C-alpha atoms as a PDB file:
ATOM      1  CA  MET A   1      12.802 -17.552  -4.125  1.00  0.00           C
ATOM      2  CA  PHE A   2       9.680 -19.704  -4.563  1.00  0.00           C
ATOM      3  CA  THR A   3       6.310 -19.523  -6.313  1.00  0.00           C
ATOM      4  CA  GLY A   4       4.001 -20.841  -3.591  1.00  0.00           C
ATOM      5  CA  ILE A   5       3.013 -23.858  -5.700  1.00  0.00           C
ATOM      6  CA  VAL A   6       3.484 -26.865  -3.401  1.00  0.00           C
ATOM      7  CA  GLU A   7       5.208 -29.740  -5.187  1.00  0.00           C
ATOM      8  CA  GLU A   8       4.495 -32.450  -2.656  1.00  0.00           C
ATOM      9  CA  LEU A   9       3.708 -33.302   0.936  1.00  0.00           C
ATOM     10  CA  GLY A  10       6.797 -34.561   2.750  1.00  0.00           C
ATOM     11  CA  THR A  11       6.785 -36.581   5.981  1.00  0.00           C
ATOM     12  CA  ILE A  12       8.850 -35.793   9.091  1.00  0.00           C
ATOM     13  CA  VAL A  13      10.971 -38.886   9.810  1.00  0.00           C
ATOM     14  CA  GLU A  14      13.410 -37.525  12.413  1.00  0.00           C
ATOM     15  CA  ILE A  15      13.713 -34.582  14.804  1.00  0.00           C
ATOM     16  CA  ALA A  16      16.904 -34.096  16.823  1.00  0.00           C
ATOM     17  CA  ASP A  17      17.982 -31.146  18.987  1.00  0.00           C
ATOM     18  CA  ARG A  18      21.703 -30.321  18.929  1.00  0.00           C
ATOM     19  CA  GLN A  19      23.635 -27.311  20.241  1.00  0.00           C
ATOM     20  CA  GLY A  20      21.013 -24.596  19.738  1.00  0.00           C
ATOM     21  CA  LEU A  21      19.747 -26.095  16.493  1.00  0.00           C
ATOM     22  CA  ARG A  22      17.039 -28.582  15.642  1.00  0.00           C
ATOM     23  CA  GLN A  23      17.726 -31.006  12.835  1.00  0.00           C
ATOM     24  CA  ILE A  24      14.566 -31.936  10.976  1.00  0.00           C
ATOM     25  CA  THR A  25      14.678 -34.778   8.456  1.00  0.00           C
ATOM     26  CA  ILE A  26      11.910 -35.049   5.880  1.00  0.00           C
ATOM     27  CA  SER A  27      11.157 -37.908   3.523  1.00  0.00           C
ATOM     28  CA  ALA A  28      10.316 -36.668   0.019  1.00  0.00           C
ATOM     29  CA  GLU A  29      10.014 -38.209  -3.435  1.00  0.00           C
ATOM     30  CA  LYS A  30       9.719 -35.521  -6.116  1.00  0.00           C
ATOM     31  CA  VAL A  31      11.403 -32.685  -4.196  1.00  0.00           C
ATOM     32  CA  ALA A  32      14.495 -34.833  -3.494  1.00  0.00           C
ATOM     33  CA  GLU A  33      15.142 -35.178  -7.240  1.00  0.00           C
ATOM     34  CA  GLY A  34      18.097 -33.118  -8.423  1.00  0.00           C
ATOM     35  CA  ILE A  35      18.726 -31.659  -4.952  1.00  0.00           C
ATOM     36  CA  LYS A  36      22.167 -31.301  -3.398  1.00  0.00           C
ATOM     37  CA  VAL A  37      23.476 -30.145  -0.019  1.00  0.00           C
ATOM     38  CA  GLY A  38      23.246 -26.343   0.157  1.00  0.00           C
ATOM     39  CA  ASP A  39      20.059 -26.061  -1.919  1.00  0.00           C
ATOM     40  CA  SER A  40      17.033 -24.155  -0.596  1.00  0.00           C
ATOM     41  CA  ILE A  41      13.675 -25.834  -0.004  1.00  0.00           C
ATOM     42  CA  SER A  42      10.457 -24.237   1.220  1.00  0.00           C
ATOM     43  CA  VAL A  43       9.122 -26.219   4.190  1.00  0.00           C
ATOM     44  CA  ASN A  44       5.650 -24.947   5.162  1.00  0.00           C
ATOM     45  CA  GLY A  45       6.715 -21.698   3.531  1.00  0.00           C
ATOM     46  CA  VAL A  46      10.007 -21.356   5.429  1.00  0.00           C
ATOM     47  CA  CYS A  47      13.162 -21.216   3.299  1.00  0.00           C
ATOM     48  CA  LEU A  48      15.545 -23.848   4.688  1.00  0.00           C
ATOM     49  CA  THR A  49      18.943 -25.102   3.504  1.00  0.00           C
ATOM     50  CA  VAL A  50      19.535 -28.800   2.870  1.00  0.00           C
ATOM     51  CA  THR A  51      22.404 -29.823   5.180  1.00  0.00           C
ATOM     52  CA  LYS A  52      22.320 -33.573   4.598  1.00  0.00           C
ATOM     53  CA  LEU A  53      20.884 -35.788   1.872  1.00  0.00           C
ATOM     54  CA  GLU A  54      20.438 -39.548   2.105  1.00  0.00           C
ATOM     55  CA  ALA A  55      18.389 -41.131  -0.683  1.00  0.00           C
ATOM     56  CA  LYS A  56      14.936 -39.530  -0.350  1.00  0.00           C
ATOM     57  CA  ASN A  57      15.589 -38.026   3.107  1.00  0.00           C
ATOM     58  CA  LEU A  58      16.396 -34.304   3.304  1.00  0.00           C
ATOM     59  CA  SER A  59      17.823 -32.882   6.549  1.00  0.00           C
ATOM     60  CA  PHE A  60      17.695 -29.234   7.626  1.00  0.00           C
ATOM     61  CA  GLU A  61      19.201 -27.395  10.610  1.00  0.00           C
ATOM     62  CA  VAL A  62      16.682 -24.929  12.039  1.00  0.00           C
ATOM     63  CA  MET A  63      17.701 -22.109  14.408  1.00  0.00           C
ATOM     64  CA  SER A  64      15.778 -21.539  17.649  1.00  0.00           C
ATOM     65  CA  GLU A  65      14.572 -18.133  16.390  1.00  0.00           C
ATOM     66  CA  THR A  66      12.951 -19.786  13.367  1.00  0.00           C
ATOM     67  CA  LEU A  67      11.373 -22.435  15.595  1.00  0.00           C
ATOM     68  CA  LYS A  68       9.843 -19.684  17.772  1.00  0.00           C
ATOM     69  CA  LYS A  69       8.587 -17.478  14.946  1.00  0.00           C
ATOM     70  CA  THR A  70       7.086 -20.153  12.677  1.00  0.00           C
ATOM     71  CA  ASN A  71       5.055 -23.332  13.080  1.00  0.00           C
ATOM     72  CA  LEU A  72       8.180 -25.459  12.505  1.00  0.00           C
ATOM     73  CA  GLY A  73       8.763 -25.582  16.270  1.00  0.00           C
ATOM     74  CA  ASP A  74       5.515 -27.533  16.663  1.00  0.00           C
ATOM     75  CA  LEU A  75       6.334 -30.246  14.112  1.00  0.00           C
ATOM     76  CA  LYS A  76       6.109 -33.865  15.251  1.00  0.00           C
ATOM     77  CA  LEU A  77       7.237 -37.188  13.816  1.00  0.00           C
ATOM     78  CA  ARG A  78       5.138 -38.440  10.883  1.00  0.00           C
ATOM     79  CA  GLU A  79       3.579 -34.990  10.422  1.00  0.00           C
ATOM     80  CA  ARG A  80       3.166 -33.855   6.806  1.00  0.00           C
ATOM     81  CA  VAL A  81       4.663 -30.607   5.494  1.00  0.00           C
ATOM     82  CA  ASN A  82       4.368 -28.590   2.272  1.00  0.00           C
ATOM     83  CA  LEU A  83       7.515 -28.752   0.131  1.00  0.00           C
ATOM     84  CA  GLU A  84       8.701 -26.700  -2.838  1.00  0.00           C
ATOM     85  CA  ARG A  85      12.103 -26.514  -4.500  1.00  0.00           C
ATOM     86  CA  ALA A  86      13.611 -23.086  -5.173  1.00  0.00           C
ATOM     87  CA  LEU A  87      12.576 -21.288  -8.345  1.00  0.00           C
ATOM     88  CA  ARG A  88      14.829 -21.536 -11.409  1.00  0.00           C
ATOM     89  CA  PHE A  89      14.972 -18.600 -13.821  1.00  0.00           C
ATOM     90  CA  SER A  90      13.570 -20.833 -16.569  1.00  0.00           C
ATOM     91  CA  ASP A  91      10.438 -21.754 -14.524  1.00  0.00           C
ATOM     92  CA  ARG A  92       6.956 -20.380 -14.989  1.00  0.00           C
ATOM     93  CA  VAL A  93       5.626 -18.458 -11.990  1.00  0.00           C
ATOM     94  CA  SER A  94       2.212 -20.054 -11.499  1.00  0.00           C
ATOM     95  CA  GLY A  95       1.626 -18.563  -8.037  1.00  0.00           C
ATOM     96  CA  HIS A  96       3.381 -15.383  -6.932  1.00  0.00           C
ATOM     97  CA  LEU A  97       6.925 -14.594  -5.813  1.00  0.00           C
ATOM     98  CA  VAL A  98       7.490 -15.944  -2.297  1.00  0.00           C
ATOM     99  CA  SER A  99      10.760 -15.376  -0.425  1.00  0.00           C
ATOM    100  CA  GLY A 100      10.385 -17.979   2.316  1.00  0.00           C
ATOM    101  CA  HIS A 101      10.844 -15.317   5.013  1.00  0.00           C
ATOM    102  CA  ILE A 102       7.840 -15.634   7.313  1.00  0.00           C
ATOM    103  CA  ASP A 103       6.163 -12.425   8.517  1.00  0.00           C
ATOM    104  CA  GLY A 104       4.066 -14.026  11.253  1.00  0.00           C
ATOM    105  CA  VAL A 105       2.028 -16.996  12.385  1.00  0.00           C
ATOM    106  CA  GLY A 106      -1.706 -17.014  11.794  1.00  0.00           C
ATOM    107  CA  ILE A 107      -4.320 -19.097  13.589  1.00  0.00           C
ATOM    108  CA  ILE A 108      -7.139 -20.801  11.708  1.00  0.00           C
ATOM    109  CA  ARG A 109     -10.349 -19.506  13.268  1.00  0.00           C
ATOM    110  CA  SER A 110     -12.749 -21.504  11.108  1.00  0.00           C
ATOM    111  CA  LYS A 111     -12.847 -23.957   8.228  1.00  0.00           C
ATOM    112  CA  LYS A 112     -16.115 -24.330   6.371  1.00  0.00           C
ATOM    113  CA  ILE A 113     -17.360 -25.835   3.116  1.00  0.00           C
ATOM    114  CA  LEU A 114     -18.983 -23.417   0.669  1.00  0.00           C
ATOM    115  CA  SER A 115     -20.229 -25.119  -2.491  1.00  0.00           C
ATOM    116  CA  ARG A 116     -17.228 -27.281  -3.517  1.00  0.00           C
ATOM    117  CA  ASN A 117     -14.677 -24.915  -2.019  1.00  0.00           C
ATOM    118  CA  THR A 118     -13.351 -24.729   1.529  1.00  0.00           C
ATOM    119  CA  VAL A 119     -13.138 -21.327   3.208  1.00  0.00           C
ATOM    120  CA  PHE A 120     -10.531 -20.683   5.888  1.00  0.00           C
ATOM    121  CA  ASP A 121     -10.747 -17.673   8.187  1.00  0.00           C
ATOM    122  CA  ILE A 122      -7.288 -16.887   9.553  1.00  0.00           C
ATOM    123  CA  VAL A 123      -6.450 -14.536  12.419  1.00  0.00           C
ATOM    124  CA  ILE A 124      -3.212 -12.568  12.025  1.00  0.00           C
ATOM    125  CA  ASP A 125      -1.313  -9.857  13.861  1.00  0.00           C
ATOM    126  CA  LYS A 126      -2.831  -6.432  13.171  1.00  0.00           C
ATOM    127  CA  GLY A 127       0.547  -5.146  11.994  1.00  0.00           C
ATOM    128  CA  LEU A 128       0.321  -7.351   8.897  1.00  0.00           C
ATOM    129  CA  LEU A 129      -3.108  -6.122   7.801  1.00  0.00           C
ATOM    130  CA  LYS A 130      -1.713  -3.157   5.870  1.00  0.00           C
ATOM    131  CA  TYR A 131      -0.051  -5.596   3.473  1.00  0.00           C
ATOM    132  CA  LEU A 132      -3.265  -7.472   2.652  1.00  0.00           C
ATOM    133  CA  SER A 133      -5.992  -6.482   0.219  1.00  0.00           C
ATOM    134  CA  PRO A 134      -8.932  -8.381  -1.266  1.00  0.00           C
ATOM    135  CA  LYS A 135      -7.751 -10.249  -4.376  1.00  0.00           C
ATOM    136  CA  GLY A 136      -4.139  -9.669  -3.320  1.00  0.00           C
ATOM    137  CA  SER A 137      -1.591 -12.451  -2.831  1.00  0.00           C
ATOM    138  CA  VAL A 138      -0.640 -14.124   0.439  1.00  0.00           C
ATOM    139  CA  SER A 139       1.386 -17.221   1.258  1.00  0.00           C
ATOM    140  CA  VAL A 140      -0.146 -19.552   3.879  1.00  0.00           C
ATOM    141  CA  ASP A 141       2.203 -22.404   4.895  1.00  0.00           C
ATOM    142  CA  GLY A 142       4.024 -21.792   1.617  1.00  0.00           C
ATOM    143  CA  ILE A 143       0.865 -21.967  -0.522  1.00  0.00           C
ATOM    144  CA  SER A 144       0.236 -19.078  -2.902  1.00  0.00           C
ATOM    145  CA  LEU A 145      -3.345 -17.965  -2.237  1.00  0.00           C
ATOM    146  CA  THR A 146      -5.648 -15.068  -3.022  1.00  0.00           C
ATOM    147  CA  VAL A 147      -7.057 -13.017  -0.167  1.00  0.00           C
ATOM    148  CA  GLY A 148     -10.864 -13.062   0.012  1.00  0.00           C
ATOM    149  CA  GLU A 149     -12.526 -10.855   2.602  1.00  0.00           C
ATOM    150  CA  ILE A 150     -10.798  -8.978   5.410  1.00  0.00           C
ATOM    151  CA  LYS A 151     -12.716  -8.287   8.625  1.00  0.00           C
ATOM    152  CA  GLY A 152     -10.816  -6.837  11.561  1.00  0.00           C
ATOM    153  CA  ASN A 153      -7.645  -8.880  11.925  1.00  0.00           C
ATOM    154  CA  VAL A 154      -9.159 -11.911  10.121  1.00  0.00           C
ATOM    155  CA  PHE A 155      -8.784 -12.672   6.426  1.00  0.00           C
ATOM    156  CA  SER A 156     -10.340 -15.454   4.402  1.00  0.00           C
ATOM    157  CA  VAL A 157      -8.982 -17.662   1.643  1.00  0.00           C
ATOM    158  CA  TYR A 158     -11.022 -19.933  -0.632  1.00  0.00           C
ATOM    159  CA  ILE A 159      -9.439 -23.310  -1.353  1.00  0.00           C
ATOM    160  CA  ILE A 160     -10.297 -25.502  -4.342  1.00  0.00           C
ATOM    161  CA  PRO A 161     -10.455 -29.307  -3.845  1.00  0.00           C
ATOM    162  CA  HIS A 162      -7.105 -29.849  -5.656  1.00  0.00           C
ATOM    163  CA  THR A 163      -5.246 -27.548  -3.240  1.00  0.00           C
ATOM    164  CA  LEU A 164      -7.017 -29.080  -0.236  1.00  0.00           C
ATOM    165  CA  LYS A 165      -5.973 -32.577  -1.321  1.00  0.00           C
ATOM    166  CA  ASN A 166      -2.348 -31.729  -2.129  1.00  0.00           C
ATOM    167  CA  THR A 167      -1.355 -29.443   0.769  1.00  0.00           C
ATOM    168  CA  THR A 168      -1.401 -29.397   4.567  1.00  0.00           C
ATOM    169  CA  LEU A 169      -4.639 -27.377   4.499  1.00  0.00           C
ATOM    170  CA  GLY A 170      -6.459 -30.641   3.831  1.00  0.00           C
ATOM    171  CA  PHE A 171      -5.928 -31.775   7.411  1.00  0.00           C
ATOM    172  CA  LYS A 172      -5.579 -28.468   9.268  1.00  0.00           C
ATOM    173  CA  GLY A 173      -8.553 -27.066  11.111  1.00  0.00           C
ATOM    174  CA  HIS A 174      -9.656 -24.766  13.925  1.00  0.00           C
ATOM    175  CA  SER A 175      -6.776 -23.394  16.059  1.00  0.00           C
ATOM    176  CA  ALA A 176      -4.025 -24.766  13.794  1.00  0.00           C
ATOM    177  CA  LYS A 177      -1.011 -22.481  13.278  1.00  0.00           C
ATOM    178  CA  VAL A 178      -0.046 -21.456   9.754  1.00  0.00           C
ATOM    179  CA  ASN A 179       2.990 -19.539   8.518  1.00  0.00           C
ATOM    180  CA  ILE A 180       2.086 -16.236   6.852  1.00  0.00           C
ATOM    181  CA  GLU A 181       4.185 -14.383   4.309  1.00  0.00           C
ATOM    182  CA  VAL A 182       2.537 -11.271   2.939  1.00  0.00           C
ATOM    183  CA  ASP A 183       3.128 -10.141  -0.634  1.00  0.00           C
ATOM    184  CA  MET A 184       6.690  -8.854  -0.984  1.00  0.00           C
ATOM    185  CA  MET A 185       5.655  -6.133  -3.433  1.00  0.00           C
ATOM    186  CA  ALA A 186       3.213  -4.763  -0.839  1.00  0.00           C
ATOM    187  CA  LYS A 187       6.067  -4.661   1.704  1.00  0.00           C
ATOM    188  CA  GLN A 188       8.383  -2.908  -0.750  1.00  0.00           C
ATOM    189  CA  LEU A 189       5.736  -0.336  -1.653  1.00  0.00           C
ATOM    190  CA  ASP A 190       5.038   0.348   2.031  1.00  0.00           C
ATOM    191  CA  SER A 191       8.764   0.790   2.650  1.00  0.00           C
ATOM    192  CA  LEU A 192       9.108   3.254  -0.235  1.00  0.00           C
ATOM    193  CA  LEU A 193       6.085   5.292   0.854  1.00  0.00           C
ATOM    194  CA  ARG A 194       7.460   5.631   4.393  1.00  0.00           C
ATOM    195  CA  LYS A 195      10.743   7.186   3.158  1.00  0.00           C
END
């Protein structure tokens, strides 16, 4: 479980394919502190298990299904990724509860400056729309955000300069893929109402 508050940007230092898995190694400073093999880390919003730890380098084994259904399959060497350690029961929840189980991949349709904020319009699969509402929560690449407007199968998020500077959204633009996790309470409510 995570909060969607990105702790740092890590850097991909190695990618190796082995027997149906891809090992991704990420260099991190803060997130590597206090971590051990078997711990969960959110990488661009995807919950991954640390399988190897060498100094500040964290390695993860990623299944082919995860590579296909998230933007992790497109990662390249030296690319930056959003990182967050798993939530502890003693932590404050500054964002919202995020499971790290991605519901779909969105595509950034536009990125524009409005006053001092940056507005992203993101296209998603129509099947996810029922879980979104204006002022509701959504996780985009592991970042806890508030939904702005919804038009058709496009929703907008407004990003403050701090978030832009400290997450991957600072260098993502038109046509970039982003991992989407809708609010888990919305999914639970939908499940209960369908019974």
